[in-house]
């Protein structure tokens, strides 16, 4: 059974990925992900997340969560700029990729990677000067390392 946080993260992801027009549709999408929820629960979750209805081309209204809007996605040139400026080293082991930055800069690179929508990254964890990226199984750490090195201008 999914926790409230897990369910709300799933809702945010589904709203970002699909044009969700109503709560029953969202309940069905959650069920497809293996998360059981009632419409009343989904309604409370949407309120907690600050979801709003926005009109899209064609006249339909869909749910949106402001911080998950497409404008938040970092374009590739911005990612290249951040990576080129702040990444000093990129290494891998298995499906893990470690990036080294100057002190206090790892979170800047992690945020840019998280917002980039770059395929193959499951997630990032940033410390002070070190950033860990977890590669999807089908991509692997070596391939992700090579791509990140190229984005940083290190290849």
Protein backbone atom coordinates (compact mmCIF):
# COMPACT_ATOMS: atom_id res chain seq x y z
CA UNK A 1 0.00 0.00 0.00
CA UNK A 2 1.36 3.40 -1.00
CA UNK A 3 1.93 6.07 1.65
CA UNK A 4 0.34 9.50 1.31
CA UNK A 5 3.67 10.96 0.14
CA UNK A 6 4.15 8.18 -2.44
CA UNK A 7 0.57 8.61 -3.68
CA UNK A 8 0.98 12.38 -3.97
CA UNK A 9 4.29 11.98 -5.83
CA UNK A 10 2.53 9.57 -8.21
CA UNK A 11 -0.30 12.09 -8.71
CA UNK A 12 2.17 14.88 -9.48
CA UNK A 13 4.01 12.64 -11.95
CA UNK A 14 0.77 11.53 -13.64
CA UNK A 15 -0.52 15.09 -13.94
CA UNK A 16 2.80 16.15 -15.49
CA UNK A 17 2.68 13.24 -17.95
CA UNK A 18 -1.03 13.03 -18.87
CA UNK A 19 -3.78 15.53 -19.63
CA UNK A 20 -5.91 14.64 -16.59
CA UNK A 21 -9.34 16.24 -16.95
CA UNK A 22 -11.14 14.82 -13.90
CA UNK A 23 -10.67 12.97 -10.62
CA UNK A 24 -12.11 9.60 -11.76
CA UNK A 25 -9.53 9.58 -14.58
CA UNK A 26 -6.80 10.20 -12.01
CA UNK A 27 -8.13 7.39 -9.78
CA UNK A 28 -7.93 5.06 -12.83
CA UNK A 29 -4.36 6.18 -13.69
CA UNK A 30 -3.29 5.55 -10.09
CA UNK A 31 -4.89 2.10 -10.23
CA UNK A 32 -2.87 1.33 -13.38
CA UNK A 33 0.23 2.17 -11.30
CA UNK A 34 -0.97 -0.22 -8.57
CA UNK A 35 -2.11 2.53 -6.20
CA UNK A 36 -5.64 2.20 -4.84
CA UNK A 37 -7.30 5.51 -3.94
CA UNK A 38 -10.84 6.80 -3.64
CA UNK A 39 -12.03 9.94 -5.39
CA UNK A 40 -12.33 11.67 -1.99
CA UNK A 41 -8.68 10.86 -1.20
CA UNK A 42 -7.57 12.08 -4.63
CA UNK A 43 -9.54 15.29 -4.09
CA UNK A 44 -7.73 15.93 -0.77
CA UNK A 45 -4.37 15.09 -2.38
CA UNK A 46 -5.02 17.55 -5.22
CA UNK A 47 -5.77 20.25 -2.63
CA UNK A 48 -2.61 19.38 -0.66
CA UNK A 49 -0.53 19.58 -3.85
CA UNK A 50 -2.02 22.94 -4.85
CA UNK A 51 -3.35 21.51 -8.11
CA UNK A 52 -5.34 23.87 -10.30
CA UNK A 53 -7.40 23.45 -13.46
CA UNK A 54 -5.96 25.16 -16.52
CA UNK A 55 -7.43 25.57 -19.98
CA UNK A 56 -5.39 23.96 -22.75
CA UNK A 57 -5.58 24.46 -26.52
CA UNK A 58 -8.84 22.89 -27.69
CA UNK A 59 -10.78 24.25 -24.73
CA UNK A 60 -10.40 21.34 -22.28
CA UNK A 61 -9.40 21.98 -18.69
CA UNK A 62 -6.75 19.77 -17.13
CA UNK A 63 -5.11 19.55 -13.73
CA UNK A 64 -1.72 21.18 -13.30
CA UNK A 65 0.63 21.57 -10.38
CA UNK A 66 2.53 24.85 -10.73
CA UNK A 67 5.96 23.47 -9.84
CA UNK A 68 5.53 20.67 -12.41
CA UNK A 69 4.78 22.99 -15.32
CA UNK A 70 6.81 22.48 -18.51
CA UNK A 71 8.51 25.87 -18.04
CA UNK A 72 10.34 24.30 -15.09
CA UNK A 73 12.13 21.90 -17.43
CA UNK A 74 15.70 23.05 -17.97
CA UNK A 75 16.56 23.24 -21.69
CA UNK A 76 19.62 21.25 -22.80
CA UNK A 77 21.70 24.38 -23.45
CA UNK A 78 21.13 25.46 -19.84
CA UNK A 79 22.13 21.98 -18.65
CA UNK A 80 25.30 22.14 -20.79
CA UNK A 81 26.14 25.56 -19.34
CA UNK A 82 25.70 24.37 -15.73
CA UNK A 83 27.57 21.12 -16.34
CA UNK A 84 30.41 22.90 -18.18
CA UNK A 85 30.79 25.49 -15.45
CA UNK A 86 30.50 23.32 -12.34
CA UNK A 87 31.43 19.69 -13.14
CA UNK A 88 35.12 18.84 -12.73
CA UNK A 89 34.99 15.03 -12.83
CA UNK A 90 32.55 12.27 -13.82
CA UNK A 91 33.13 8.63 -12.85
CA UNK A 92 30.94 5.53 -12.67
CA UNK A 93 30.58 2.19 -10.89
CA UNK A 94 27.81 -0.16 -11.98
CA UNK A 95 24.69 1.94 -12.45
CA UNK A 96 25.99 4.79 -10.28
CA UNK A 97 27.62 7.93 -11.63
CA UNK A 98 29.54 10.30 -9.36
CA UNK A 99 30.12 13.92 -10.36
CA UNK A 100 32.59 16.19 -8.53
CA UNK A 101 32.06 19.94 -8.30
CA UNK A 102 33.69 22.81 -6.43
CA UNK A 103 32.62 23.02 -2.76
CA UNK A 104 28.99 24.09 -2.32
CA UNK A 105 28.03 23.53 -5.97
CA UNK A 106 26.72 19.95 -6.18
CA UNK A 107 23.12 21.01 -5.50
CA UNK A 108 23.18 23.39 -8.49
CA UNK A 109 24.15 20.56 -10.85
CA UNK A 110 21.67 18.15 -9.21
CA UNK A 111 18.82 20.62 -9.65
CA UNK A 112 19.71 21.19 -13.31
CA UNK A 113 19.85 17.42 -13.95
CA UNK A 114 16.57 16.82 -12.10
CA UNK A 115 14.82 19.53 -14.13
CA UNK A 116 16.36 18.47 -17.43
CA UNK A 117 14.14 15.43 -17.96
CA UNK A 118 17.30 13.69 -19.21
CA UNK A 119 16.37 10.10 -20.03
CA UNK A 120 18.25 7.39 -18.19
CA UNK A 121 18.50 9.08 -14.78
CA UNK A 122 16.38 7.62 -11.96
CA UNK A 123 17.41 10.33 -9.54
CA UNK A 124 20.17 12.41 -8.00
CA UNK A 125 21.54 12.96 -4.50
CA UNK A 126 23.73 15.97 -3.83
CA UNK A 127 26.20 16.63 -1.06
CA UNK A 128 28.52 19.61 -0.83
CA UNK A 129 30.92 18.87 -3.68
CA UNK A 130 29.76 15.44 -4.82
CA UNK A 131 26.67 14.40 -6.71
CA UNK A 132 25.38 10.85 -7.17
CA UNK A 133 23.24 9.96 -10.20
CA UNK A 134 21.50 6.61 -10.40
CA UNK A 135 21.22 5.31 -13.97
CA UNK A 136 18.25 3.29 -15.18
CA UNK A 137 19.08 -0.36 -15.68
CA UNK A 138 18.69 -0.24 -19.45
CA UNK A 139 21.07 2.71 -19.69
CA UNK A 140 23.81 1.74 -17.25
CA UNK A 141 26.38 3.83 -15.48
CA UNK A 142 29.01 3.77 -18.20
CA UNK A 143 26.66 5.11 -20.86
CA UNK A 144 25.25 7.76 -18.52
CA UNK A 145 28.79 8.74 -17.48
CA UNK A 146 29.77 9.19 -21.12
CA UNK A 147 26.70 11.35 -21.81
CA UNK A 148 27.26 13.49 -18.72
CA UNK A 149 30.96 13.89 -19.57
CA UNK A 150 29.96 15.06 -23.04
CA UNK A 151 27.43 17.55 -21.59
CA UNK A 152 30.14 18.88 -19.25
CA UNK A 153 32.66 19.20 -22.08
CA UNK A 154 35.00 16.67 -20.46
CA UNK A 155 35.07 14.05 -23.23
